[in-house]
Amino acid sequence: MSLGMLYAFFYATRYNYTAAAPYLADTLGWKNTELGVFETMMPLVYGLAVVLNGPLADRIGGKKAFLFGAAGVAVMNLLFGVASLAVLSPAVWAGTGVGRHVVTPAGLGFGLSGGMLLALMAVVWGINGYFQSFGALSIVKVNAQWFHVRERGTFAGIFGVLIRFGLLLAFQGVPLIFLFFPWQYAFWIPGACVVVMLLINWKWMENSPKDAGLGEFDTGDDSDPTDAAPALREIFNKVFSSRVMWTIALGSMMIGFVRRSVVDAWWPKYFVDYHGADKALFATYLPYIIATWGIALAGIAGGFAFGMASDRTFGGRRAPVVVFGFLVMALVLALFGVSDMLHLGPVAAACCLVVLSFCVNGAHGMISGAASMDFGGRKAAATAAGLFDGMQYLAGAFVGMGVGYVTTRWGWDAWHWAPIPFALAGAWLMSRLWNVLPKGRSGH
């Protein structure tokens, strides 16, 4: 529980930016192109960091890696909020929709220009992405010691509950914070919660059943049962020389195109720009509430449904359920686009986001959670998770500024359709692994 709750607050200190983006845009005079800088910087740094830091987490263990990352996340959220001290007066806007423009730029102190402040904040948020990378690596590294290959799909769903809780903390907590405090507290309060969870994990979380005094546990994956720390060469050979690993990584990249362009990053701004929602009333705006809770609860349901189906119906095979997820993603994205073409309204849009979350998060849990433990084994789970998660976030870096450019130039009507080819490509890629299972499975 302490491990999962810390990871939940990692999500809260990552997606607090997404929830706060409409407020930041209005205060600082940023358009979607400027917001897209952050949606590129964070996933780019995160994507590279999880690949590079995976072997480090495998060597030093999940607990040390998690505590190090948590300390960095807390500091970066503090620094991001400190940028508020440079804002002397907010920007003044005029117009609506695509024609909305800045009349008077934000007044800034300390001799900063708008471009300089944007660059400084983007660098801080990118460094936050570096420390955030230790969260996914560490939770997979620890869980790989605790759960058998035949139950990892189900436990990926259980930990998905805590991840979705982190999204709720961001998307529901940030609007509540804005009812009482300035925007910087949307970064300071979650950062303080990370510090609390860091101390709890330092005291009670353990790397493995053996460290907790419960003895050895055969997880039935690709690892040998020895306790020796794996050599870097062994880790690299196991992960980066495998066709199966790279196929899964490319599948994860396809999830990233859908997840980061629609489900995770841009929908609060979409409600403001396309449906005219008042960002100050997000805490009570029904479509936003449906989307926030629906995305979280559907993500939980998707994690359990995909995990239990892969464990019980497909005997530990992850690919069949992921293929199903990709195909439904493509269908729902098309329905989302048609919904806006027919002007069915923000509630219909929220419902499309909810169904997308079910598929995206279910598939993501199977790849980044279960498959990384299955094929990386106990000794290389973090490296495998780094490769899979890294490819997903590198895709997110590609679409970050891309979505900002597309929506600024052509409006939100072009937003829904672009990820469909990537969903179909993901279905084809994962179908190539339909019958693949990790070697060395044991009974359980």
Protein backbone atom coordinates (compact mmCIF):
# COMPACT_ATOMS: atom_id res chain seq x y z
CA MET A 1 0.00 0.00 0.00
CA SER A 2 2.76 2.45 0.81
CA LEU A 3 4.48 1.64 -2.50
CA GLY A 4 1.26 2.14 -4.47
CA MET A 5 0.28 5.34 -2.66
CA LEU A 6 3.66 6.92 -3.34
CA TYR A 7 3.22 6.07 -7.01
CA ALA A 8 -0.26 7.64 -6.89
CA PHE A 9 1.31 10.90 -5.72
CA PHE A 10 3.90 10.60 -8.50
CA TYR A 11 0.93 10.73 -10.88
CA ALA A 12 -0.56 13.64 -8.96
CA THR A 13 2.72 15.59 -9.29
CA ARG A 14 2.88 14.84 -13.03
CA TYR A 15 -0.71 15.40 -14.16
CA ASN A 16 -1.23 18.42 -11.93
CA TYR A 17 0.27 20.35 -14.85
CA THR A 18 -2.37 19.00 -17.26
CA ALA A 19 -5.17 19.95 -14.87
CA ALA A 20 -3.62 23.38 -14.29
CA ALA A 21 -2.83 24.07 -17.96
CA PRO A 22 -5.96 26.21 -18.66
CA TYR A 23 -5.14 28.36 -15.63
CA LEU A 24 -1.48 28.70 -16.58
CA ALA A 25 -2.45 29.58 -20.16
CA ASP A 26 -4.76 32.39 -19.04
CA THR A 27 -2.38 33.75 -16.42
CA LEU A 28 0.77 33.72 -18.55
CA GLY A 29 -0.76 34.37 -21.98
CA TRP A 30 0.13 30.98 -23.43
CA LYS A 31 -1.59 29.40 -26.43
CA ASN A 32 -1.70 25.66 -27.12
CA THR A 33 1.66 25.85 -28.89
CA GLU A 34 3.30 27.07 -25.65
CA LEU A 35 1.43 24.48 -23.58
CA GLY A 36 2.66 21.86 -26.04
CA VAL A 37 6.26 22.66 -25.06
CA PHE A 38 5.57 21.11 -21.65
CA GLU A 39 3.69 18.17 -23.17
CA THR A 40 6.83 17.51 -25.22
CA MET A 41 9.49 18.26 -22.61
CA MET A 42 8.08 16.04 -19.85
CA PRO A 43 7.49 12.88 -21.93
CA LEU A 44 10.74 13.35 -23.87
CA VAL A 45 12.89 13.50 -20.75
CA TYR A 46 10.78 10.83 -19.03
CA GLY A 47 10.98 8.54 -22.05
CA LEU A 48 14.76 8.78 -22.29
CA ALA A 49 15.23 8.56 -18.52
CA VAL A 50 13.24 5.35 -18.01
CA VAL A 51 15.35 3.62 -20.65
CA LEU A 52 18.64 4.89 -19.19
CA ASN A 53 17.68 4.46 -15.52
CA GLY A 54 16.18 0.99 -15.86
CA PRO A 55 19.52 -0.81 -15.47
CA LEU A 56 20.36 1.47 -12.51
CA ALA A 57 17.11 0.54 -10.74
CA ASP A 58 17.79 -3.14 -11.42
CA ARG A 59 21.23 -2.78 -9.83
CA ILE A 60 20.38 -0.72 -6.72
CA GLY A 61 16.88 -2.09 -6.08
CA GLY A 62 13.43 -0.58 -6.28
CA LYS A 63 13.34 0.97 -2.82
CA LYS A 64 16.44 3.13 -3.19
CA ALA A 65 15.45 4.16 -6.70
CA PHE A 66 11.93 5.12 -5.59
CA LEU A 67 13.11 7.22 -2.65
CA PHE A 68 15.65 9.04 -4.81
CA GLY A 69 13.01 9.80 -7.42
CA ALA A 70 10.50 10.95 -4.80
CA ALA A 71 12.95 13.48 -3.36
CA GLY A 72 13.59 14.93 -6.81
CA VAL A 73 9.89 15.09 -7.69
CA ALA A 74 9.11 17.04 -4.52
CA VAL A 75 11.87 19.58 -5.18
CA MET A 76 10.89 20.11 -8.84
CA ASN A 77 7.24 20.72 -7.98
CA LEU A 78 8.35 23.25 -5.39
CA LEU A 79 10.52 25.05 -7.97
CA PHE A 80 7.79 25.01 -10.62
CA GLY A 81 5.46 26.82 -8.25
CA VAL A 82 8.17 29.32 -7.35
CA ALA A 83 7.81 30.67 -10.92
CA SER A 84 4.63 32.39 -9.68
CA LEU A 85 6.84 34.93 -7.89
CA ALA A 86 7.89 36.29 -11.28
CA VAL A 87 4.31 37.04 -12.38
CA LEU A 88 3.38 40.61 -11.41
CA SER A 89 0.11 40.79 -13.37
CA PRO A 90 -1.83 38.22 -15.44
CA ALA A 91 -2.27 38.39 -19.20
CA VAL A 92 -5.42 39.98 -20.64
CA TRP A 93 -7.30 38.05 -23.36
CA ALA A 94 -9.97 38.89 -25.94
CA GLY A 95 -12.07 36.83 -28.34
CA THR A 96 -13.23 33.21 -28.22
CA GLY A 97 -12.27 29.84 -29.69
CA VAL A 98 -9.51 29.76 -32.30
CA GLY A 99 -9.65 33.56 -32.57
CA ARG A 100 -8.91 34.11 -28.88
CA HIS A 101 -5.77 36.22 -28.48
CA VAL A 102 -3.69 38.08 -25.92
CA VAL A 103 -4.37 41.81 -25.66
CA THR A 104 -1.88 42.55 -22.86
CA PRO A 105 0.97 40.12 -22.03
CA ALA A 106 1.58 39.04 -18.46
CA GLY A 107 3.67 41.46 -16.43
CA LEU A 108 6.88 39.77 -15.29
CA GLY A 109 9.53 40.67 -12.76
CA PHE A 110 13.25 39.90 -12.28
CA GLY A 111 13.97 41.09 -15.83
CA LEU A 112 12.35 38.00 -17.35
CA SER A 113 10.70 37.93 -20.75
CA GLY A 114 7.81 35.61 -21.56
CA GLY A 115 10.11 33.32 -23.55
CA MET A 116 12.68 33.14 -20.76
CA LEU A 117 10.05 32.22 -18.15
CA LEU A 118 8.58 29.59 -20.47
CA ALA A 119 12.03 28.08 -21.03
CA LEU A 120 12.89 28.02 -17.31
CA MET A 121 9.60 26.41 -16.36
CA ALA A 122 9.92 23.86 -19.17
CA VAL A 123 13.41 22.89 -17.97
CA VAL A 124 12.15 22.42 -14.41
CA TRP A 125 9.25 20.31 -15.66
CA GLY A 126 11.61 18.27 -17.80
CA ILE A 127 13.81 17.56 -14.76
CA ASN A 128 10.65 16.56 -12.92
CA GLY A 129 10.14 14.03 -15.73
CA TYR A 130 13.60 12.61 -15.04
CA PHE A 131 12.79 11.96 -11.38
CA GLN A 132 9.28 10.77 -12.26
CA SER A 133 10.88 8.00 -14.33
CA PHE A 134 12.03 6.22 -11.17
CA GLY A 135 8.41 5.64 -10.14
CA ALA A 136 7.43 3.22 -12.90
CA LEU A 137 10.81 1.47 -12.77
CA SER A 138 10.70 1.01 -9.02
CA ILE A 139 7.13 -0.22 -8.71
CA VAL A 140 7.74 -2.87 -11.39
CA LYS A 141 11.09 -3.84 -9.86
CA VAL A 142 9.56 -4.37 -6.42
CA ASN A 143 6.41 -6.09 -7.66
CA ALA A 144 8.46 -8.51 -9.75
CA GLN A 145 9.89 -9.86 -6.49
CA TRP A 146 6.50 -10.26 -4.82
CA PHE A 147 4.12 -11.69 -7.46
CA HIS A 148 4.11 -14.89 -9.51
CA VAL A 149 3.86 -14.75 -13.30
CA ARG A 150 0.35 -16.26 -13.13
CA GLU A 151 -0.98 -13.47 -10.91
CA ARG A 152 0.85 -10.42 -12.21
CA GLY A 153 -1.92 -9.46 -14.59
CA THR A 154 -4.40 -9.30 -11.73
CA PHE A 155 -1.98 -7.43 -9.47
CA ALA A 156 -1.26 -4.98 -12.30
CA GLY A 157 -5.00 -4.23 -12.06
CA ILE A 158 -4.79 -3.78 -8.30
CA PHE A 159 -1.93 -1.33 -8.59
CA GLY A 160 -3.85 0.33 -11.40
CA VAL A 161 -6.43 1.34 -8.77
CA LEU A 162 -3.76 3.32 -6.96
CA ILE A 163 -2.53 4.86 -10.22
CA ARG A 164 -6.06 6.01 -11.09
CA PHE A 165 -6.32 7.45 -7.60
CA GLY A 166 -3.33 9.58 -8.52
CA LEU A 167 -5.17 10.85 -11.57
CA LEU A 168 -8.15 11.75 -9.40
CA LEU A 169 -5.84 13.61 -7.04
CA ALA A 170 -4.65 15.66 -10.01
CA PHE A 171 -7.81 16.22 -12.04
CA GLN A 172 -10.21 16.65 -9.11
CA GLY A 173 -7.74 17.95 -6.53
CA VAL A 174 -6.30 20.76 -8.64
CA PRO A 175 -9.69 22.44 -9.37
CA LEU A 176 -10.46 22.23 -5.66
CA ILE A 177 -7.11 23.80 -4.80
CA PHE A 178 -7.87 26.65 -7.22
CA LEU A 179 -11.07 27.42 -5.32
CA PHE A 180 -8.96 28.49 -2.32
CA PHE A 181 -5.36 29.07 -3.40
CA PRO A 182 -3.31 30.54 -6.29
CA TRP A 183 -2.02 28.21 -9.04
CA GLN A 184 1.37 27.53 -7.44
CA TYR A 185 -0.31 25.53 -4.67
CA ALA A 186 -1.41 22.98 -7.27
CA PHE A 187 2.29 22.02 -7.33
CA TRP A 188 3.30 22.72 -3.74
CA ILE A 189 0.56 20.71 -2.00
CA PRO A 190 1.03 17.49 -4.05
CA GLY A 191 4.80 17.89 -3.68
CA ALA A 192 4.43 18.01 0.11
CA CYS A 193 2.34 14.82 -0.02
CA VAL A 194 5.19 13.10 -1.90
CA VAL A 195 7.52 14.00 0.98
CA VAL A 196 5.13 12.38 3.48
CA MET A 197 4.88 9.20 1.40
CA LEU A 198 8.66 9.14 0.94
CA LEU A 199 9.09 8.93 4.72
CA ILE A 200 6.45 6.20 5.03
CA ASN A 201 8.11 4.09 2.30
CA TRP A 202 11.54 4.58 3.81
CA LYS A 203 10.18 3.14 7.03
CA TRP A 204 7.92 0.29 5.87
CA MET A 205 8.35 -0.68 2.20
CA GLU A 206 10.67 -3.62 1.39
CA ASN A 207 12.19 -4.76 -1.90
CA SER A 208 11.26 -8.45 -1.62
CA PRO A 209 9.60 -11.08 0.59
CA LYS A 210 13.09 -12.07 1.77
CA ASP A 211 13.86 -8.50 2.88
CA ALA A 212 10.57 -8.50 4.78
CA GLY A 213 11.53 -11.71 6.61
CA LEU A 214 9.15 -13.94 4.63
CA GLY A 215 11.73 -16.14 2.89
CA GLU A 216 12.39 -16.89 -0.78
CA PHE A 217 9.62 -16.83 -3.39
CA ASP A 218 9.78 -18.50 -6.83
CA THR A 219 8.02 -16.10 -9.21
CA GLY A 220 8.10 -18.50 -12.20
CA ASP A 221 9.51 -15.99 -14.68
CA ASP A 222 12.66 -15.83 -16.79
CA SER A 223 14.98 -15.26 -13.82
CA ASP A 224 17.26 -17.72 -12.12
CA PRO A 225 16.69 -18.10 -8.36
CA THR A 226 20.05 -16.71 -7.20
CA ASP A 227 20.32 -13.50 -5.23
CA ALA A 228 23.38 -12.17 -7.06
CA ALA A 229 22.93 -8.68 -8.46
CA PRO A 230 22.77 -8.97 -12.24
CA ALA A 231 25.61 -7.65 -14.35
CA LEU A 232 24.77 -4.79 -16.69
CA ARG A 233 25.75 -6.93 -19.66
CA GLU A 234 23.30 -9.62 -18.56
CA ILE A 235 20.52 -7.04 -18.20
CA PHE A 236 21.19 -5.45 -21.59
CA ASN A 237 21.36 -8.79 -23.39
CA LYS A 238 18.13 -9.95 -21.81
CA VAL A 239 16.16 -6.86 -22.80
CA PHE A 240 17.70 -5.17 -25.82
CA SER A 241 18.60 -8.23 -27.91
CA SER A 242 15.10 -9.72 -27.85
CA ARG A 243 12.71 -9.44 -30.80
CA VAL A 244 9.79 -9.97 -28.43
CA MET A 245 10.95 -7.07 -26.23
CA TRP A 246 11.20 -4.67 -29.17
CA THR A 247 7.83 -5.71 -30.55
CA ILE A 248 6.22 -5.03 -27.17
CA ALA A 249 8.10 -1.72 -26.99
CA LEU A 250 6.70 -0.64 -30.37
CA GLY A 251 3.23 -1.66 -29.20
CA SER A 252 3.75 0.52 -26.13
CA MET A 253 4.72 3.39 -28.42
CA MET A 254 1.38 3.05 -30.22
CA ILE A 255 -0.40 3.26 -26.85
CA GLY A 256 1.58 6.44 -26.23
CA PHE A 257 0.24 8.11 -29.38
CA VAL A 258 -3.34 7.57 -28.20
CA ARG A 259 -2.79 8.06 -24.49
CA ARG A 260 -0.75 11.24 -24.60
CA SER A 261 -2.65 12.92 -27.44
CA VAL A 262 -6.18 12.35 -26.08
CA VAL A 263 -6.73 10.56 -22.77
CA ASP A 264 -3.99 11.96 -20.55
CA ALA A 265 -2.88 15.34 -21.76
CA TRP A 266 -5.30 17.62 -23.60
CA TRP A 267 -8.91 16.98 -22.70
CA PRO A 268 -9.29 19.68 -19.96
CA LYS A 269 -8.15 22.31 -22.49
CA TYR A 270 -10.50 20.76 -25.07
CA PHE A 271 -13.50 21.35 -22.79
CA VAL A 272 -12.48 24.99 -22.34
CA ASP A 273 -11.74 25.75 -26.00
CA TYR A 274 -14.28 23.60 -27.83
CA HIS A 275 -17.24 23.46 -25.45
CA GLY A 276 -16.75 26.82 -23.75
CA ALA A 277 -16.38 25.42 -20.24
CA ASP A 278 -15.39 27.80 -17.44
CA LYS A 279 -12.14 26.46 -16.01
CA ALA A 280 -12.86 28.19 -12.71
CA LEU A 281 -15.94 25.96 -12.34
CA PHE A 282 -14.30 22.65 -13.27
CA ALA A 283 -14.94 21.38 -9.74
CA THR A 284 -18.72 21.51 -10.44
CA TYR A 285 -18.83 21.20 -14.29
CA LEU A 286 -20.70 17.94 -14.98
CA PRO A 287 -18.88 16.83 -18.18
CA TYR A 288 -15.52 17.45 -16.50
CA ILE A 289 -16.60 15.46 -13.44
CA ILE A 290 -17.86 12.61 -15.66
CA ALA A 291 -14.56 12.61 -17.55
CA THR A 292 -12.39 12.79 -14.42
CA TRP A 293 -14.13 10.07 -12.44
CA GLY A 294 -14.95 8.04 -15.52
CA ILE A 295 -11.37 8.03 -16.79
CA ALA A 296 -10.16 6.94 -13.35
CA LEU A 297 -12.80 4.28 -12.71
CA ALA A 298 -12.72 2.97 -16.28
CA GLY A 299 -8.94 2.79 -16.06
CA ILE A 300 -9.30 0.68 -12.92
CA ALA A 301 -11.90 -1.54 -14.58
CA GLY A 302 -9.74 -1.89 -17.68
CA GLY A 303 -6.73 -2.88 -15.60
CA PHE A 304 -8.69 -5.60 -13.80
CA ALA A 305 -10.55 -6.81 -16.89
CA PHE A 306 -7.45 -7.02 -19.09
CA GLY A 307 -5.32 -8.45 -16.28
CA MET A 308 -7.75 -11.14 -15.19
CA ALA A 309 -8.54 -12.09 -18.79
CA SER A 310 -4.85 -12.44 -19.62
CA ASP A 311 -4.18 -14.50 -16.47
CA ARG A 312 -7.23 -16.75 -16.55
CA THR A 313 -8.64 -16.84 -20.08
CA PHE A 314 -5.36 -16.66 -22.00
CA GLY A 315 -3.09 -18.45 -19.52
CA GLY A 316 -0.74 -15.53 -18.87
CA ARG A 317 -0.61 -14.31 -22.49
CA ARG A 318 -0.82 -10.53 -22.61
CA ALA A 319 -1.01 -9.93 -26.38
CA PRO A 320 -4.61 -11.08 -27.07
CA VAL A 321 -6.19 -8.61 -24.65
CA VAL A 322 -3.93 -5.80 -25.85
CA VAL A 323 -4.98 -6.44 -29.47
CA PHE A 324 -8.61 -6.18 -28.39
CA GLY A 325 -7.84 -2.92 -26.60
CA PHE A 326 -6.22 -1.35 -29.66
CA LEU A 327 -9.13 -2.24 -31.93
CA VAL A 328 -11.67 -0.72 -29.55
CA MET A 329 -9.49 2.40 -29.21
CA ALA A 330 -9.67 2.94 -32.98
CA LEU A 331 -13.45 2.50 -32.97
CA VAL A 332 -14.04 4.87 -30.05
CA LEU A 333 -11.76 7.56 -31.52
CA ALA A 334 -13.84 7.44 -34.70
CA LEU A 335 -17.06 7.70 -32.69
CA PHE A 336 -15.57 10.63 -30.76
CA GLY A 337 -14.89 12.48 -33.99
CA VAL A 338 -18.40 11.77 -35.30
CA SER A 339 -19.86 12.94 -31.95
CA ASP A 340 -18.29 16.36 -32.34
CA MET A 341 -19.22 16.54 -36.03
CA LEU A 342 -22.85 15.97 -35.01
CA HIS A 343 -22.53 18.43 -32.09
CA LEU A 344 -23.69 15.88 -29.52
CA GLY A 345 -22.18 17.97 -26.75
CA PRO A 346 -19.63 17.71 -23.93
CA VAL A 347 -21.33 14.83 -22.09
CA ALA A 348 -21.00 12.60 -25.17
CA ALA A 349 -17.36 13.66 -25.43
CA ALA A 350 -16.80 12.75 -21.78
CA CYS A 351 -18.32 9.30 -22.35
CA CYS A 352 -15.95 8.70 -25.28
CA LEU A 353 -13.01 9.63 -23.05
CA VAL A 354 -14.21 7.16 -20.42
CA VAL A 355 -14.35 4.22 -22.86
CA LEU A 356 -10.96 5.20 -24.27
CA SER A 357 -9.53 5.14 -20.76
CA PHE A 358 -10.81 1.58 -20.24
CA CYS A 359 -8.90 0.36 -23.29
CA VAL A 360 -5.81 2.54 -23.03
CA ASN A 361 -5.14 1.87 -19.37
CA GLY A 362 -6.01 -1.80 -19.63
CA ALA A 363 -3.50 -2.24 -22.46
CA HIS A 364 -0.93 -0.03 -20.74
CA GLY A 365 -1.12 -2.12 -17.56
CA MET A 366 -0.52 -5.32 -19.51
CA ILE A 367 2.55 -3.95 -21.29
CA SER A 368 4.23 -1.69 -18.74
CA GLY A 369 3.13 -3.71 -15.72
CA ALA A 370 2.69 -7.40 -16.43
CA ALA A 371 4.75 -7.94 -19.60
CA SER A 372 7.80 -6.11 -18.23
CA MET A 373 7.81 -8.42 -15.19
CA ASP A 374 7.13 -11.50 -17.34
CA PHE A 375 9.85 -11.02 -19.94
CA GLY A 376 12.33 -8.99 -17.89
CA GLY A 377 12.11 -11.33 -14.93
CA ARG A 378 13.05 -10.35 -11.41
CA LYS A 379 16.53 -9.25 -12.42
CA ALA A 380 15.70 -7.09 -15.44
CA ALA A 381 12.11 -6.01 -14.74
CA ALA A 382 13.03 -2.35 -14.34
CA THR A 383 15.04 -2.31 -17.58
CA ALA A 384 12.16 -3.92 -19.46
CA ALA A 385 9.70 -1.46 -17.93
CA GLY A 386 12.06 1.36 -18.89
CA LEU A 387 12.12 0.25 -22.51
CA PHE A 388 8.34 -0.19 -22.71
CA ASP A 389 7.44 2.98 -20.80
CA GLY A 390 10.18 4.95 -22.51
CA MET A 391 8.89 4.18 -25.98
CA GLN A 392 5.39 5.19 -24.89
CA TYR A 393 6.54 8.54 -23.58
CA LEU A 394 8.78 9.22 -26.56
CA ALA A 395 5.64 8.89 -28.64
CA GLY A 396 4.05 11.34 -26.23
CA ALA A 397 6.90 13.78 -26.84
CA PHE A 398 6.21 13.58 -30.56
CA VAL A 399 2.51 14.40 -30.17
CA GLY A 400 2.95 17.04 -27.44
CA MET A 401 3.84 20.01 -29.63
CA GLY A 402 2.08 18.32 -32.55
CA VAL A 403 -1.32 18.51 -30.85
CA GLY A 404 -0.61 22.08 -29.80
CA TYR A 405 0.18 23.03 -33.41
CA VAL A 406 -2.76 21.16 -34.95
CA THR A 407 -5.33 22.55 -32.52
CA THR A 408 -3.97 26.08 -32.85
CA ARG A 409 -3.98 25.99 -36.66
CA TRP A 410 -7.04 23.83 -37.47
CA GLY A 411 -9.00 23.68 -34.22
CA TRP A 412 -10.16 20.76 -32.14
CA ASP A 413 -12.13 19.09 -34.97
CA ALA A 414 -8.83 17.62 -36.22
CA TRP A 415 -7.88 16.25 -32.78
CA HIS A 416 -9.73 12.93 -32.67
CA TRP A 417 -8.75 11.34 -35.95
CA ALA A 418 -4.94 11.44 -35.94
CA PRO A 419 -4.34 8.62 -33.38
CA ILE A 420 -6.50 6.03 -35.21
CA PRO A 421 -3.73 4.72 -37.53
CA PHE A 422 -1.47 4.23 -34.51
CA ALA A 423 -4.13 2.20 -32.69
CA LEU A 424 -4.53 -0.05 -35.73
CA ALA A 425 -0.75 -0.39 -36.05
CA GLY A 426 -0.58 -1.40 -32.38
CA ALA A 427 -3.19 -4.10 -32.91
CA TRP A 428 -1.17 -5.54 -35.80
CA LEU A 429 2.12 -5.46 -33.86
CA MET A 430 0.75 -7.19 -30.77
CA SER A 431 -1.06 -9.80 -32.88
CA ARG A 432 2.44 -11.00 -33.87
CA LEU A 433 2.92 -12.11 -30.23
CA TRP A 434 -0.48 -13.78 -29.81
CA ASN A 435 0.86 -17.05 -28.39
CA VAL A 436 4.10 -15.81 -26.78
CA LEU A 437 4.78 -16.62 -23.11
CA PRO A 438 7.91 -16.07 -20.98
CA LYS A 439 10.29 -18.99 -20.69
CA GLY A 440 10.88 -20.77 -17.42
CA ARG A 441 7.31 -20.63 -16.11
CA SER A 442 6.71 -22.74 -13.06
CA GLY A 443 3.48 -23.95 -11.49
CA HIS A 444 1.85 -21.89 -8.79
